[in-house]
N, C-alpha and C. Protein backbone atom coordinates (compact mmCIF):
# COMPACT_ATOMS: atom_id res chain seq x y z
N MET A 1 -117.66 -83.79 15.73
CA MET A 1 -117.16 -85.08 15.33
C MET A 1 -118.34 -86.01 15.17
N ARG A 2 -118.31 -86.85 14.14
CA ARG A 2 -119.34 -87.86 13.91
C ARG A 2 -118.67 -89.13 13.41
N THR A 3 -119.18 -90.26 13.86
CA THR A 3 -118.66 -91.54 13.43
C THR A 3 -119.81 -92.50 13.21
N TRP A 4 -119.59 -93.53 12.41
CA TRP A 4 -120.64 -94.45 12.01
C TRP A 4 -120.28 -95.87 12.43
N TYR A 5 -121.29 -96.60 12.90
CA TYR A 5 -121.14 -98.01 13.24
C TYR A 5 -122.34 -98.78 12.74
N GLY A 6 -122.14 -100.00 12.35
CA GLY A 6 -123.24 -100.90 12.02
C GLY A 6 -123.39 -101.93 13.13
N VAL A 7 -124.62 -102.14 13.57
CA VAL A 7 -124.89 -103.13 14.62
C VAL A 7 -125.85 -104.16 14.04
N TYR A 8 -125.47 -105.42 14.16
CA TYR A 8 -126.29 -106.51 13.66
C TYR A 8 -127.13 -107.05 14.81
N ARG A 9 -128.41 -106.70 14.82
CA ARG A 9 -129.28 -107.09 15.93
C ARG A 9 -129.33 -108.60 16.11
N GLN A 10 -129.48 -109.34 15.03
CA GLN A 10 -129.58 -110.80 15.14
C GLN A 10 -128.31 -111.37 15.79
N LYS A 11 -127.18 -110.80 15.46
CA LYS A 11 -125.92 -111.31 16.01
C LYS A 11 -125.83 -111.05 17.51
N ILE A 12 -126.19 -109.84 17.93
CA ILE A 12 -126.08 -109.56 19.37
C ILE A 12 -127.14 -110.33 20.17
N GLU A 13 -128.27 -110.66 19.53
CA GLU A 13 -129.27 -111.45 20.23
C GLU A 13 -128.86 -112.92 20.33
N LEU A 14 -128.14 -113.43 19.34
CA LEU A 14 -127.76 -114.83 19.32
C LEU A 14 -126.43 -115.11 20.01
N GLU A 15 -125.50 -114.19 19.89
CA GLU A 15 -124.17 -114.39 20.44
C GLU A 15 -124.18 -114.17 21.95
N ASP A 16 -123.16 -114.68 22.60
CA ASP A 16 -123.05 -114.56 24.04
C ASP A 16 -122.26 -113.30 24.42
N TYR A 17 -122.81 -112.16 24.03
CA TYR A 17 -122.20 -110.88 24.36
C TYR A 17 -122.88 -110.32 25.60
N ASN A 18 -122.12 -109.65 26.44
CA ASN A 18 -122.69 -108.97 27.59
C ASN A 18 -122.87 -107.48 27.34
N TYR A 19 -122.07 -106.95 26.44
CA TYR A 19 -122.13 -105.52 26.16
C TYR A 19 -121.69 -105.23 24.73
N ILE A 20 -121.99 -104.03 24.29
CA ILE A 20 -121.54 -103.52 22.99
C ILE A 20 -120.64 -102.33 23.29
N CYS A 21 -119.51 -102.28 22.62
CA CYS A 21 -118.57 -101.17 22.82
C CYS A 21 -118.42 -100.40 21.52
N PHE A 22 -118.65 -99.10 21.59
CA PHE A 22 -118.36 -98.21 20.48
C PHE A 22 -117.05 -97.51 20.83
N ASN A 23 -116.02 -97.80 20.06
CA ASN A 23 -114.69 -97.27 20.33
C ASN A 23 -114.38 -96.16 19.33
N ILE A 24 -114.36 -94.95 19.82
CA ILE A 24 -114.01 -93.81 18.98
C ILE A 24 -112.53 -93.55 19.22
N LYS A 25 -111.75 -94.05 18.30
CA LYS A 25 -110.29 -94.11 18.44
C LYS A 25 -109.70 -92.77 18.89
N GLY A 26 -108.96 -92.84 19.97
CA GLY A 26 -108.28 -91.66 20.48
C GLY A 26 -109.18 -90.68 21.21
N LYS A 27 -110.48 -90.99 21.30
CA LYS A 27 -111.42 -90.06 21.92
C LYS A 27 -112.10 -90.67 23.14
N ARG A 28 -112.86 -91.74 22.88
CA ARG A 28 -113.72 -92.26 23.94
C ARG A 28 -114.24 -93.65 23.58
N LYS A 29 -114.58 -94.43 24.59
CA LYS A 29 -115.27 -95.70 24.41
C LYS A 29 -116.60 -95.62 25.14
N PHE A 30 -117.65 -96.09 24.48
CA PHE A 30 -118.98 -96.14 25.08
C PHE A 30 -119.40 -97.59 25.18
N TYR A 31 -119.88 -97.97 26.34
CA TYR A 31 -120.34 -99.33 26.55
C TYR A 31 -121.84 -99.33 26.83
N PHE A 32 -122.54 -100.23 26.16
CA PHE A 32 -123.96 -100.44 26.41
C PHE A 32 -124.14 -101.91 26.75
N GLU A 33 -124.92 -102.20 27.78
CA GLU A 33 -125.30 -103.59 28.00
C GLU A 33 -126.15 -104.02 26.82
N LYS A 34 -126.01 -105.27 26.45
CA LYS A 34 -126.72 -105.79 25.28
C LYS A 34 -128.22 -105.52 25.39
N GLU A 35 -128.81 -105.83 26.53
CA GLU A 35 -130.25 -105.62 26.71
C GLU A 35 -130.62 -104.15 26.65
N GLN A 36 -129.74 -103.29 27.14
CA GLN A 36 -129.98 -101.85 27.10
C GLN A 36 -130.03 -101.36 25.66
N PHE A 37 -129.12 -101.83 24.84
CA PHE A 37 -129.08 -101.40 23.45
C PHE A 37 -130.27 -101.94 22.66
N ILE A 38 -130.62 -103.19 22.89
CA ILE A 38 -131.80 -103.77 22.24
C ILE A 38 -133.04 -103.00 22.69
N GLY A 39 -133.08 -102.60 23.95
CA GLY A 39 -134.18 -101.79 24.46
C GLY A 39 -134.31 -100.46 23.75
N LEU A 40 -133.18 -99.83 23.43
CA LEU A 40 -133.23 -98.58 22.65
C LEU A 40 -133.91 -98.82 21.31
N ILE A 41 -133.51 -99.89 20.64
CA ILE A 41 -134.11 -100.21 19.35
C ILE A 41 -135.61 -100.41 19.50
N GLU A 42 -136.00 -101.23 20.47
CA GLU A 42 -137.41 -101.58 20.62
C GLU A 42 -138.28 -100.44 21.11
N ASN A 43 -137.70 -99.53 21.90
CA ASN A 43 -138.49 -98.43 22.46
C ASN A 43 -138.50 -97.17 21.61
N ILE A 44 -137.55 -97.03 20.71
CA ILE A 44 -137.42 -95.78 19.94
C ILE A 44 -137.84 -95.95 18.49
N ILE A 45 -137.55 -97.11 17.92
CA ILE A 45 -137.82 -97.32 16.51
C ILE A 45 -139.16 -98.03 16.36
N THR A 46 -139.97 -97.57 15.42
CA THR A 46 -141.26 -98.19 15.19
C THR A 46 -141.07 -99.63 14.72
N LYS A 47 -142.09 -100.45 14.94
CA LYS A 47 -142.02 -101.86 14.52
C LYS A 47 -141.75 -102.01 13.03
N PRO A 48 -142.43 -101.23 12.14
CA PRO A 48 -142.11 -101.36 10.71
C PRO A 48 -140.65 -101.01 10.39
N GLU A 49 -140.11 -100.02 11.08
CA GLU A 49 -138.70 -99.66 10.86
C GLU A 49 -137.79 -100.77 11.37
N GLN A 50 -138.15 -101.38 12.50
CA GLN A 50 -137.34 -102.49 13.01
C GLN A 50 -137.29 -103.63 12.00
N VAL A 51 -138.45 -103.96 11.43
CA VAL A 51 -138.51 -105.04 10.42
C VAL A 51 -137.63 -104.67 9.23
N LYS A 52 -137.69 -103.42 8.80
CA LYS A 52 -136.89 -102.95 7.67
C LYS A 52 -135.39 -103.16 7.93
N TYR A 53 -134.93 -102.75 9.11
CA TYR A 53 -133.49 -102.86 9.41
C TYR A 53 -133.09 -104.28 9.76
N ASP A 54 -134.02 -105.06 10.32
CA ASP A 54 -133.71 -106.48 10.55
C ASP A 54 -133.51 -107.19 9.22
N LYS A 55 -134.31 -106.85 8.20
CA LYS A 55 -134.13 -107.45 6.87
C LYS A 55 -132.80 -107.03 6.26
N ARG A 56 -132.39 -105.79 6.51
CA ARG A 56 -131.09 -105.32 6.00
C ARG A 56 -129.94 -105.90 6.81
N LYS A 57 -130.28 -106.44 7.98
CA LYS A 57 -129.33 -107.06 8.89
C LYS A 57 -128.37 -106.08 9.55
N SER A 58 -128.72 -104.81 9.55
CA SER A 58 -127.83 -103.83 10.18
C SER A 58 -128.60 -102.57 10.58
N TYR A 59 -128.30 -102.11 11.77
CA TYR A 59 -128.79 -100.82 12.25
C TYR A 59 -127.61 -99.85 12.16
N ASP A 60 -127.70 -98.88 11.28
CA ASP A 60 -126.65 -97.88 11.15
C ASP A 60 -126.75 -96.92 12.33
N ASN A 61 -125.63 -96.68 12.98
CA ASN A 61 -125.60 -95.81 14.15
C ASN A 61 -124.62 -94.69 13.91
N TYR A 62 -125.07 -93.48 14.09
CA TYR A 62 -124.18 -92.32 14.04
C TYR A 62 -124.04 -91.80 15.46
N ILE A 63 -122.82 -91.70 15.90
CA ILE A 63 -122.52 -91.11 17.20
C ILE A 63 -121.75 -89.83 16.92
N TYR A 64 -122.20 -88.76 17.56
CA TYR A 64 -121.50 -87.51 17.32
C TYR A 64 -121.30 -86.74 18.62
N GLN A 65 -120.34 -85.84 18.56
CA GLN A 65 -120.01 -84.97 19.68
C GLN A 65 -120.30 -83.55 19.25
N ASN A 66 -121.05 -82.82 20.10
CA ASN A 66 -121.32 -81.42 19.77
C ASN A 66 -120.17 -80.53 20.23
N HIS A 67 -120.28 -79.25 19.98
CA HIS A 67 -119.20 -78.31 20.31
C HIS A 67 -118.98 -78.17 21.81
N GLN A 68 -119.99 -78.52 22.60
CA GLN A 68 -119.85 -78.45 24.05
C GLN A 68 -119.20 -79.71 24.63
N GLY A 69 -118.97 -80.70 23.78
CA GLY A 69 -118.31 -81.92 24.22
C GLY A 69 -119.26 -83.05 24.60
N ASP A 70 -120.57 -82.84 24.44
CA ASP A 70 -121.54 -83.89 24.76
C ASP A 70 -121.65 -84.88 23.59
N TRP A 71 -121.89 -86.15 23.91
CA TRP A 71 -121.99 -87.21 22.92
C TRP A 71 -123.43 -87.67 22.78
N TYR A 72 -123.84 -87.95 21.55
CA TYR A 72 -125.21 -88.35 21.25
C TYR A 72 -125.24 -89.45 20.20
N ILE A 73 -126.30 -90.27 20.26
CA ILE A 73 -126.63 -91.15 19.14
C ILE A 73 -127.61 -90.36 18.30
N LYS A 74 -127.24 -90.11 17.06
CA LYS A 74 -128.05 -89.29 16.16
C LYS A 74 -128.88 -90.14 15.22
N ARG A 75 -128.42 -91.35 14.99
CA ARG A 75 -129.11 -92.27 14.09
C ARG A 75 -129.04 -93.66 14.68
N LEU A 76 -130.18 -94.34 14.70
CA LEU A 76 -130.26 -95.71 15.17
C LEU A 76 -131.14 -96.43 14.17
N GLY A 77 -130.53 -96.88 13.09
CA GLY A 77 -131.30 -97.36 11.95
C GLY A 77 -131.69 -96.15 11.13
N SER A 78 -132.77 -95.50 11.54
CA SER A 78 -133.21 -94.29 10.84
C SER A 78 -132.80 -93.06 11.66
N HIS A 79 -132.92 -91.90 11.04
CA HIS A 79 -132.57 -90.65 11.69
C HIS A 79 -133.51 -90.41 12.87
N LEU A 80 -132.97 -90.05 14.01
CA LEU A 80 -133.77 -89.81 15.22
C LEU A 80 -134.15 -88.34 15.31
N LEU A 81 -135.41 -88.06 15.54
CA LEU A 81 -135.85 -86.68 15.73
C LEU A 81 -135.33 -86.12 17.04
N THR A 82 -135.27 -86.99 18.06
CA THR A 82 -134.70 -86.60 19.34
C THR A 82 -133.45 -87.45 19.55
N HIS A 83 -132.32 -86.79 19.63
CA HIS A 83 -131.06 -87.51 19.79
C HIS A 83 -130.96 -88.11 21.17
N ILE A 84 -130.26 -89.22 21.29
CA ILE A 84 -130.08 -89.91 22.55
C ILE A 84 -128.73 -89.47 23.14
N LYS A 85 -128.79 -88.78 24.27
CA LYS A 85 -127.54 -88.35 24.91
C LYS A 85 -126.89 -89.54 25.57
N ILE A 86 -125.59 -89.70 25.35
CA ILE A 86 -124.82 -90.78 25.97
C ILE A 86 -124.17 -90.19 27.20
N VAL A 87 -124.45 -90.81 28.32
CA VAL A 87 -123.92 -90.30 29.60
C VAL A 87 -122.70 -91.09 30.01
C-alpha cells in the first residue's frame, strides 16, 4: 500500500500546530510532532533540495506499507535512498 500527502513547510512553521497527522483511511493514523517533522526535513534533505521544495511550497510525502506490515516514509520532497521507518 502507498499513499501520498503534501506538506507545506511554511504553513506548519507559521501556524499554531502541535502535530501533523497522516490519516490512512481505514488503516492507520501517524502523528508527528511539528518540530520532529521539520527535523526530518532539515536532517535528511540537502539544503539545495529544501530550497527547491520551499519554492514549490510543498514537500511530497509517500507513505507505504510493505508486505510484512511495516510502514515507511519513502519520499520526503525527493525520493529517499534510505526509507524512514515509522514506529
